């Protein structure tokens, strides 16, 4: 059964690639070449979204080889948008491309994870500093609701991971610094597989004294320096906990049949 992303890829290709009946651009509508370019962009974006989700969920494990022809066949698209998606994910740090060796899911060693966590701590700390200056009471209340939702999902690793990501994305968004927020999001994505694995193994992934509620409390005080410090300490505490389980990260877990087909070739 195809995933919702695959269905959207197919639908967008069907609606955008209308060669025979597509009117010319001078009439205020798309030229066939424009439709083809948009279709390629749509397929590329949807392939990127699908692959990113597979990596971040752990369905594609660190070290997994990614064959464009297998992925393209599974998604029902050509190899071109898959290759472009792999290049984009390489830039994000989720995929590693090597000349003459193809693409693999990036595997971060403990030292790599420590570095990325520290980069993320500093970047999110910057965002938190500015969020403390800008966030409205209503926005902070919304973040408090998200923290409460995280608390209620401590024994549901997949949903906890999703809510955890949403909380930190929202916090960074409140900074009003779009570039810093985007970089913080990229760094968060890089450690998400390790975070999710940690949450699966640990019955209480929230570190005592560094819960998300502490971040909300610091925001309510509107003290930028304190808020920055709380966020940096929160991420460093999480890093310490996750790194304690880094050695147990799976390399080749049980995965869907299409991934197994990639391994068997």
C-alpha atoms as a PDB file:
ATOM      1  CA  UNK A   1       0.000   0.000   0.000  1.00  0.00           C
ATOM      2  CA  UNK A   2       1.414   3.376  -0.971  1.00  0.00           C
ATOM      3  CA  UNK A   3       2.042   6.043   1.623  1.00  0.00           C
ATOM      4  CA  UNK A   4       0.089   9.355   1.547  1.00  0.00           C
ATOM      5  CA  UNK A   5       3.247  11.050   0.277  1.00  0.00           C
ATOM      6  CA  UNK A   6       3.446   8.644  -2.654  1.00  0.00           C
ATOM      7  CA  UNK A   7      -0.178   9.381  -3.533  1.00  0.00           C
ATOM      8  CA  UNK A   8       0.507  13.123  -3.475  1.00  0.00           C
ATOM      9  CA  UNK A   9       3.531  12.646  -5.736  1.00  0.00           C
ATOM     10  CA  UNK A  10       1.427  10.760  -8.264  1.00  0.00           C
ATOM     11  CA  UNK A  11      -1.485  13.208  -8.106  1.00  0.00           C
ATOM     12  CA  UNK A  12       0.732  16.256  -8.488  1.00  0.00           C
ATOM     13  CA  UNK A  13       2.529  14.697 -11.459  1.00  0.00           C
ATOM     14  CA  UNK A  14      -0.785  13.842 -13.121  1.00  0.00           C
ATOM     15  CA  UNK A  15      -2.156  17.364 -12.688  1.00  0.00           C
ATOM     16  CA  UNK A  16       1.011  19.284 -13.581  1.00  0.00           C
ATOM     17  CA  UNK A  17       2.279  17.239 -16.564  1.00  0.00           C
ATOM     18  CA  UNK A  18      -0.405  18.018 -19.132  1.00  0.00           C
ATOM     19  CA  UNK A  19       1.677  18.124 -22.320  1.00  0.00           C
ATOM     20  CA  UNK A  20      -0.910  17.820 -25.072  1.00  0.00           C
ATOM     21  CA  UNK A  21      -3.569  20.210 -23.825  1.00  0.00           C
ATOM     22  CA  UNK A  22      -1.429  22.730 -21.939  1.00  0.00           C
ATOM     23  CA  UNK A  23      -1.966  26.263 -23.314  1.00  0.00           C
ATOM     24  CA  UNK A  24       0.939  28.596 -23.953  1.00  0.00           C
ATOM     25  CA  UNK A  25       2.096  31.104 -21.349  1.00  0.00           C
ATOM     26  CA  UNK A  26       1.032  34.145 -23.405  1.00  0.00           C
ATOM     27  CA  UNK A  27      -2.588  33.366 -22.626  1.00  0.00           C
ATOM     28  CA  UNK A  28      -1.906  33.831 -18.926  1.00  0.00           C
ATOM     29  CA  UNK A  29      -1.578  30.096 -18.308  1.00  0.00           C
ATOM     30  CA  UNK A  30       1.374  27.753 -18.003  1.00  0.00           C
ATOM     31  CA  UNK A  31       3.568  26.761 -20.898  1.00  0.00           C
ATOM     32  CA  UNK A  32       4.096  22.961 -21.118  1.00  0.00           C
ATOM     33  CA  UNK A  33       7.745  23.449 -20.148  1.00  0.00           C
ATOM     34  CA  UNK A  34       6.666  25.354 -17.030  1.00  0.00           C
ATOM     35  CA  UNK A  35       4.263  22.550 -16.129  1.00  0.00           C
ATOM     36  CA  UNK A  36       7.047  19.993 -16.484  1.00  0.00           C
ATOM     37  CA  UNK A  37       9.389  22.050 -14.286  1.00  0.00           C
ATOM     38  CA  UNK A  38       6.696  22.461 -11.647  1.00  0.00           C
ATOM     39  CA  UNK A  39       5.982  18.743 -11.752  1.00  0.00           C
ATOM     40  CA  UNK A  40       9.657  17.990 -11.196  1.00  0.00           C
ATOM     41  CA  UNK A  41       9.789  20.458  -8.310  1.00  0.00           C
ATOM     42  CA  UNK A  42       6.664  18.895  -6.794  1.00  0.00           C
ATOM     43  CA  UNK A  43       8.059  15.368  -7.093  1.00  0.00           C
ATOM     44  CA  UNK A  44      11.401  16.487  -5.670  1.00  0.00           C
ATOM     45  CA  UNK A  45       9.795  18.192  -2.690  1.00  0.00           C
ATOM     46  CA  UNK A  46       7.544  15.256  -1.915  1.00  0.00           C
ATOM     47  CA  UNK A  47      10.398  12.749  -2.285  1.00  0.00           C
ATOM     48  CA  UNK A  48      12.440  14.890   0.092  1.00  0.00           C
ATOM     49  CA  UNK A  49       9.618  15.027   2.633  1.00  0.00           C
ATOM     50  CA  UNK A  50       9.041  11.286   2.438  1.00  0.00           C
ATOM     51  CA  UNK A  51      12.708  10.339   2.732  1.00  0.00           C
ATOM     52  CA  UNK A  52      13.264  12.803   5.580  1.00  0.00           C
ATOM     53  CA  UNK A  53      10.346  11.283   7.483  1.00  0.00           C
ATOM     54  CA  UNK A  54      11.663   7.750   6.898  1.00  0.00           C
ATOM     55  CA  UNK A  55      15.091   8.724   8.255  1.00  0.00           C
ATOM     56  CA  UNK A  56      13.829  10.707  11.239  1.00  0.00           C
ATOM     57  CA  UNK A  57      11.401   7.939  12.244  1.00  0.00           C
ATOM     58  CA  UNK A  58      14.153   5.328  12.142  1.00  0.00           C
ATOM     59  CA  UNK A  59      12.543   3.307   9.333  1.00  0.00           C
ATOM     60  CA  UNK A  60      15.765   3.988   7.446  1.00  0.00           C
ATOM     61  CA  UNK A  61      18.589   3.367   9.877  1.00  0.00           C
ATOM     62  CA  UNK A  62      21.982   5.074  10.160  1.00  0.00           C
ATOM     63  CA  UNK A  63      24.325   3.534   7.609  1.00  0.00           C
ATOM     64  CA  UNK A  64      21.476   2.336   5.379  1.00  0.00           C
ATOM     65  CA  UNK A  65      22.356   2.425   1.679  1.00  0.00           C
ATOM     66  CA  UNK A  66      19.898   4.445  -0.403  1.00  0.00           C
ATOM     67  CA  UNK A  67      19.468   3.267  -4.000  1.00  0.00           C
ATOM     68  CA  UNK A  68      17.681   5.852  -6.167  1.00  0.00           C
ATOM     69  CA  UNK A  69      16.251   3.199  -8.485  1.00  0.00           C
ATOM     70  CA  UNK A  70      14.634   1.294  -5.605  1.00  0.00           C
ATOM     71  CA  UNK A  71      13.246   4.459  -3.995  1.00  0.00           C
ATOM     72  CA  UNK A  72      11.984   5.755  -7.354  1.00  0.00           C
ATOM     73  CA  UNK A  73      10.220   2.473  -8.044  1.00  0.00           C
ATOM     74  CA  UNK A  74       8.601   2.481  -4.635  1.00  0.00           C
ATOM     75  CA  UNK A  75       7.384   6.054  -4.996  1.00  0.00           C
ATOM     76  CA  UNK A  76       6.362   5.725  -8.627  1.00  0.00           C
ATOM     77  CA  UNK A  77       8.592   8.562  -9.868  1.00  0.00           C
ATOM     78  CA  UNK A  78      11.699   8.824 -12.015  1.00  0.00           C
ATOM     79  CA  UNK A  79      15.179   8.723 -10.511  1.00  0.00           C
ATOM     80  CA  UNK A  80      15.811  12.428 -11.103  1.00  0.00           C
ATOM     81  CA  UNK A  81      13.647  13.831  -8.248  1.00  0.00           C
ATOM     82  CA  UNK A  82      15.001  11.126  -5.931  1.00  0.00           C
ATOM     83  CA  UNK A  83      18.594  12.136  -6.723  1.00  0.00           C
ATOM     84  CA  UNK A  84      17.740  15.789  -6.127  1.00  0.00           C
ATOM     85  CA  UNK A  85      16.062  14.875  -2.842  1.00  0.00           C
ATOM     86  CA  UNK A  86      19.185  12.994  -1.762  1.00  0.00           C
ATOM     87  CA  UNK A  87      21.319  16.051  -2.533  1.00  0.00           C
ATOM     88  CA  UNK A  88      19.036  18.254  -0.431  1.00  0.00           C
ATOM     89  CA  UNK A  89      19.133  15.795   2.456  1.00  0.00           C
ATOM     90  CA  UNK A  90      22.909  15.622   2.151  1.00  0.00           C
ATOM     91  CA  UNK A  91      22.966  19.413   2.672  1.00  0.00           C
ATOM     92  CA  UNK A  92      20.749  18.931   5.744  1.00  0.00           C
ATOM     93  CA  UNK A  93      23.125  16.337   7.159  1.00  0.00           C
ATOM     94  CA  UNK A  94      20.619  13.474   7.092  1.00  0.00           C
ATOM     95  CA  UNK A  95      22.182  11.738   4.082  1.00  0.00           C
ATOM     96  CA  UNK A  96      25.840  11.243   3.193  1.00  0.00           C
ATOM     97  CA  UNK A  97      26.799  11.299  -0.503  1.00  0.00           C
ATOM     98  CA  UNK A  98      30.175   9.913  -1.525  1.00  0.00           C
ATOM     99  CA  UNK A  99      31.618   9.871  -5.022  1.00  0.00           C
ATOM    100  CA  UNK A 100      31.364   6.425  -6.630  1.00  0.00           C
ATOM    101  CA  UNK A 101      29.801   5.031  -3.448  1.00  0.00           C
ATOM    102  CA  UNK A 102      26.292   6.446  -3.604  1.00  0.00           C
ATOM    103  CA  UNK A 103      24.113   7.638  -0.746  1.00  0.00           C
ATOM    104  CA  UNK A 104      23.689   6.336   2.786  1.00  0.00           C
ATOM    105  CA  UNK A 105      21.729   7.505   5.805  1.00  0.00           C
ATOM    106  CA  UNK A 106      24.152   9.570   7.864  1.00  0.00           C
ATOM    107  CA  UNK A 107      25.476   7.751  10.908  1.00  0.00           C
ATOM    108  CA  UNK A 108      26.623  10.067  13.684  1.00  0.00           C
ATOM    109  CA  UNK A 109      29.197   8.716  16.099  1.00  0.00           C
ATOM    110  CA  UNK A 110      29.078   9.809  19.730  1.00  0.00           C
ATOM    111  CA  UNK A 111      31.521  12.664  19.105  1.00  0.00           C
ATOM    112  CA  UNK A 112      29.421  13.837  16.136  1.00  0.00           C
ATOM    113  CA  UNK A 113      26.239  13.757  18.196  1.00  0.00           C
ATOM    114  CA  UNK A 114      27.913  15.718  20.969  1.00  0.00           C
ATOM    115  CA  UNK A 115      29.018  18.383  18.497  1.00  0.00           C
ATOM    116  CA  UNK A 116      25.589  18.706  16.870  1.00  0.00           C
ATOM    117  CA  UNK A 117      23.849  18.871  20.242  1.00  0.00           C
ATOM    118  CA  UNK A 118      26.211  21.639  21.352  1.00  0.00           C
ATOM    119  CA  UNK A 119      25.630  23.582  18.126  1.00  0.00           C
ATOM    120  CA  UNK A 120      21.904  23.147  18.600  1.00  0.00           C
ATOM    121  CA  UNK A 121      22.116  24.306  22.216  1.00  0.00           C
ATOM    122  CA  UNK A 122      23.837  27.537  21.216  1.00  0.00           C
ATOM    123  CA  UNK A 123      21.506  28.203  18.277  1.00  0.00           C
ATOM    124  CA  UNK A 124      18.316  27.503  20.232  1.00  0.00           C
ATOM    125  CA  UNK A 125      19.704  29.499  23.126  1.00  0.00           C
ATOM    126  CA  UNK A 126      19.983  32.476  20.786  1.00  0.00           C
ATOM    127  CA  UNK A 127      16.395  31.920  19.626  1.00  0.00           C
ATOM    128  CA  UNK A 128      15.174  31.613  23.216  1.00  0.00           C
ATOM    129  CA  UNK A 129      16.924  34.873  24.141  1.00  0.00           C
ATOM    130  CA  UNK A 130      14.961  36.729  21.470  1.00  0.00           C
ATOM    131  CA  UNK A 131      11.735  34.800  22.089  1.00  0.00           C
ATOM    132  CA  UNK A 132      11.777  36.057  25.695  1.00  0.00           C
ATOM    133  CA  UNK A 133      11.727  39.601  24.330  1.00  0.00           C
ATOM    134  CA  UNK A 134       8.977  39.035  21.759  1.00  0.00           C
ATOM    135  CA  UNK A 135       6.595  36.266  22.851  1.00  0.00           C
ATOM    136  CA  UNK A 136       3.086  37.337  23.831  1.00  0.00           C
ATOM    137  CA  UNK A 137       1.215  35.797  26.795  1.00  0.00           C
ATOM    138  CA  UNK A 138      -1.017  33.927  24.353  1.00  0.00           C
ATOM    139  CA  UNK A 139       1.990  32.484  22.517  1.00  0.00           C
ATOM    140  CA  UNK A 140       3.563  31.399  25.789  1.00  0.00           C
ATOM    141  CA  UNK A 141       0.274  29.791  26.844  1.00  0.00           C
ATOM    142  CA  UNK A 142       0.287  27.847  23.580  1.00  0.00           C
ATOM    143  CA  UNK A 143       3.827  26.667  24.277  1.00  0.00           C
ATOM    144  CA  UNK A 144       2.756  25.653  27.793  1.00  0.00           C
ATOM    145  CA  UNK A 145       0.000  23.509  26.251  1.00  0.00           C
ATOM    146  CA  UNK A 146       2.597  21.840  24.052  1.00  0.00           C
ATOM    147  CA  UNK A 147       4.801  21.146  27.074  1.00  0.00           C
ATOM    148  CA  UNK A 148       1.817  19.549  28.822  1.00  0.00           C
ATOM    149  CA  UNK A 149       1.168  17.398  25.746  1.00  0.00           C
ATOM    150  CA  UNK A 150       4.785  16.217  25.812  1.00  0.00           C
ATOM    151  CA  UNK A 151       4.360  15.285  29.467  1.00  0.00           C
ATOM    152  CA  UNK A 152       1.385  13.107  28.570  1.00  0.00           C
ATOM    153  CA  UNK A 153       3.332  11.140  25.944  1.00  0.00           C
ATOM    154  CA  UNK A 154       6.355  10.005  27.935  1.00  0.00           C
ATOM    155  CA  UNK A 155       5.516   6.359  27.216  1.00  0.00           C
ATOM    156  CA  UNK A 156       4.769   6.829  23.512  1.00  0.00           C
ATOM    157  CA  UNK A 157       8.155   7.390  21.867  1.00  0.00           C
ATOM    158  CA  UNK A 158       6.986   8.209  18.301  1.00  0.00           C
ATOM    159  CA  UNK A 159       4.400  10.766  19.407  1.00  0.00           C
ATOM    160  CA  UNK A 160       6.686  12.126  22.133  1.00  0.00           C
ATOM    161  CA  UNK A 161       9.346  12.708  19.480  1.00  0.00           C
ATOM    162  CA  UNK A 162       6.890  14.531  17.211  1.00  0.00           C
ATOM    163  CA  UNK A 163       5.633  16.777  20.029  1.00  0.00           C
ATOM    164  CA  UNK A 164       9.187  17.390  21.200  1.00  0.00           C
ATOM    165  CA  UNK A 165      10.160  18.589  17.729  1.00  0.00           C
ATOM    166  CA  UNK A 166       7.038  20.763  17.473  1.00  0.00           C
ATOM    167  CA  UNK A 167       7.772  22.426  20.832  1.00  0.00           C
ATOM    168  CA  UNK A 168      11.320  23.368  19.894  1.00  0.00           C
ATOM    169  CA  UNK A 169      10.301  24.505  16.406  1.00  0.00           C
ATOM    170  CA  UNK A 170       7.656  26.766  17.930  1.00  0.00           C
ATOM    171  CA  UNK A 171      10.072  28.158  20.492  1.00  0.00           C
ATOM    172  CA  UNK A 172      12.568  29.062  17.766  1.00  0.00           C
ATOM    173  CA  UNK A 173       9.818  30.543  15.600  1.00  0.00           C
ATOM    174  CA  UNK A 174       8.883  32.912  18.427  1.00  0.00           C
ATOM    175  CA  UNK A 175      12.364  34.445  18.218  1.00  0.00           C
ATOM    176  CA  UNK A 176      11.526  36.287  15.006  1.00  0.00           C
ATOM    177  CA  UNK A 177      14.873  35.091  13.613  1.00  0.00           C
ATOM    178  CA  UNK A 178      13.933  32.932  10.613  1.00  0.00           C
ATOM    179  CA  UNK A 179      17.485  31.986   9.628  1.00  0.00           C
ATOM    180  CA  UNK A 180      18.479  31.019  13.141  1.00  0.00           C
ATOM    181  CA  UNK A 181      15.230  29.073  13.543  1.00  0.00           C
ATOM    182  CA  UNK A 182      15.832  27.219  10.267  1.00  0.00           C
ATOM    183  CA  UNK A 183      19.351  26.267  11.311  1.00  0.00           C
ATOM    184  CA  UNK A 184      18.135  25.114  14.728  1.00  0.00           C
ATOM    185  CA  UNK A 185      15.511  22.987  12.962  1.00  0.00           C
ATOM    186  CA  UNK A 186      18.175  21.432  10.710  1.00  0.00           C
ATOM    187  CA  UNK A 187      20.357  20.567  13.704  1.00  0.00           C
ATOM    188  CA  UNK A 188      17.364  19.132  15.549  1.00  0.00           C
ATOM    189  CA  UNK A 189      16.565  16.893  12.588  1.00  0.00           C
ATOM    190  CA  UNK A 190      20.106  15.524  12.632  1.00  0.00           C
ATOM    191  CA  UNK A 191      19.743  14.249  16.197  1.00  0.00           C
ATOM    192  CA  UNK A 192      16.079  13.197  15.965  1.00  0.00           C
ATOM    193  CA  UNK A 193      16.819   9.506  15.176  1.00  0.00           C
ATOM    194  CA  UNK A 194      19.030   9.303  18.282  1.00  0.00           C
ATOM    195  CA  UNK A 195      16.430  11.164  20.359  1.00  0.00           C
ATOM    196  CA  UNK A 196      13.677   8.840  19.220  1.00  0.00           C
ATOM    197  CA  UNK A 197      15.785   5.776  19.954  1.00  0.00           C
ATOM    198  CA  UNK A 198      16.555   7.159  23.405  1.00  0.00           C
ATOM    199  CA  UNK A 199      12.855   7.781  24.079  1.00  0.00           C
ATOM    200  CA  UNK A 200      12.115   4.181  23.082  1.00  0.00           C
ATOM    201  CA  UNK A 201      14.627   2.815  25.570  1.00  0.00           C
ATOM    202  CA  UNK A 202      14.058   5.264  28.399  1.00  0.00           C
ATOM    203  CA  UNK A 203      10.698   5.226  30.238  1.00  0.00           C
ATOM    204  CA  UNK A 204      11.194   8.861  31.315  1.00  0.00           C
ATOM    205  CA  UNK A 205      12.993  10.820  28.559  1.00  0.00           C
ATOM    206  CA  UNK A 206      12.456  14.135  30.360  1.00  0.00           C
ATOM    207  CA  UNK A 207      15.552  15.014  32.433  1.00  0.00           C
ATOM    208  CA  UNK A 208      14.738  16.005  36.009  1.00  0.00           C
ATOM    209  CA  UNK A 209      15.204  19.722  36.527  1.00  0.00           C
ATOM    210  CA  UNK A 210      15.315  20.411  32.787  1.00  0.00           C
ATOM    211  CA  UNK A 211      11.739  19.710  31.735  1.00  0.00           C
ATOM    212  CA  UNK A 212      10.060  21.725  28.989  1.00  0.00           C
ATOM    213  CA  UNK A 213       7.928  23.438  31.614  1.00  0.00           C
ATOM    214  CA  UNK A 214      11.109  25.106  32.893  1.00  0.00           C
ATOM    215  CA  UNK A 215      11.538  26.763  29.504  1.00  0.00           C
ATOM    216  CA  UNK A 216       7.965  28.048  29.617  1.00  0.00           C
ATOM    217  CA  UNK A 217       8.538  29.448  33.108  1.00  0.00           C
ATOM    218  CA  UNK A 218      11.637  31.291  31.921  1.00  0.00           C
ATOM    219  CA  UNK A 219       9.705  32.759  28.989  1.00  0.00           C
ATOM    220  CA  UNK A 220       7.006  34.051  31.337  1.00  0.00           C
ATOM    221  CA  UNK A 221       9.660  35.930  33.301  1.00  0.00           C
ATOM    222  CA  UNK A 222      10.666  37.744  30.079  1.00  0.00           C
ATOM    223  CA  UNK A 223      14.321  37.513  31.127  1.00  0.00           C
ATOM    224  CA  UNK A 224      16.259  36.866  27.904  1.00  0.00           C
ATOM    225  CA  UNK A 225      19.522  35.840  29.560  1.00  0.00           C
ATOM    226  CA  UNK A 226      17.809  33.410  31.930  1.00  0.00           C
ATOM    227  CA  UNK A 227      15.684  31.963  29.142  1.00  0.00           C
ATOM    228  CA  UNK A 228      18.769  31.427  26.990  1.00  0.00           C
ATOM    229  CA  UNK A 229      20.545  29.725  29.885  1.00  0.00           C
ATOM    230  CA  UNK A 230      17.597  27.446  30.638  1.00  0.00           C
ATOM    231  CA  UNK A 231      17.364  26.284  27.008  1.00  0.00           C
ATOM    232  CA  UNK A 232      21.111  25.687  26.701  1.00  0.00           C
ATOM    233  CA  UNK A 233      21.078  23.685  29.950  1.00  0.00           C
ATOM    234  CA  UNK A 234      17.982  21.759  28.773  1.00  0.00           C
ATOM    235  CA  UNK A 235      19.626  20.668  25.520  1.00  0.00           C
ATOM    236  CA  UNK A 236      22.943  19.836  27.172  1.00  0.00           C
ATOM    237  CA  UNK A 237      21.144  17.676  29.736  1.00  0.00           C
ATOM    238  CA  UNK A 238      19.283  15.897  26.925  1.00  0.00           C
ATOM    239  CA  UNK A 239      22.558  15.405  25.048  1.00  0.00           C
ATOM    240  CA  UNK A 240      24.163  13.796  28.091  1.00  0.00           C
ATOM    241  CA  UNK A 241      21.247  11.393  28.456  1.00  0.00           C
ATOM    242  CA  UNK A 242      21.095  10.521  24.754  1.00  0.00           C
ATOM    243  CA  UNK A 243      24.842  10.004  24.459  1.00  0.00           C
ATOM    244  CA  UNK A 244      24.592   7.430  27.218  1.00  0.00           C
ATOM    245  CA  UNK A 245      22.560   5.299  24.797  1.00  0.00           C
ATOM    246  CA  UNK A 246      24.340   6.223  21.544  1.00  0.00           C
ATOM    247  CA  UNK A 247      26.263   2.955  21.362  1.00  0.00           C
ATOM    248  CA  UNK A 248      22.991   1.011  21.148  1.00  0.00           C
ATOM    249  CA  UNK A 249      21.695   2.878  18.095  1.00  0.00           C
ATOM    250  CA  UNK A 250      20.618   0.244  15.546  1.00  0.00           C
ATOM    251  CA  UNK A 251      22.406   0.074  12.213  1.00  0.00           C
ATOM    252  CA  UNK A 252      20.063  -2.263  10.365  1.00  0.00           C
ATOM    253  CA  UNK A 253      16.699  -2.631  12.160  1.00  0.00           C
ATOM    254  CA  UNK A 254      13.616  -4.422  10.908  1.00  0.00           C
ATOM    255  CA  UNK A 255      12.368  -2.341   8.001  1.00  0.00           C
ATOM    256  CA  UNK A 256       9.736  -2.441   5.248  1.00  0.00           C
ATOM    257  CA  UNK A 257      10.142  -4.908   2.337  1.00  0.00           C
ATOM    258  CA  UNK A 258      11.161  -2.208  -0.139  1.00  0.00           C
ATOM    259  CA  UNK A 259      14.154  -1.346   2.072  1.00  0.00           C
ATOM    260  CA  UNK A 260      15.080  -5.022   2.343  1.00  0.00           C
ATOM    261  CA  UNK A 261      15.070  -5.166  -1.444  1.00  0.00           C
ATOM    262  CA  UNK A 262      17.680  -2.412  -1.430  1.00  0.00           C
ATOM    263  CA  UNK A 263      19.907  -4.461   0.901  1.00  0.00           C
ATOM    264  CA  UNK A 264      19.552  -7.664  -1.086  1.00  0.00           C
ATOM    265  CA  UNK A 265      20.889  -6.146  -4.295  1.00  0.00           C
END
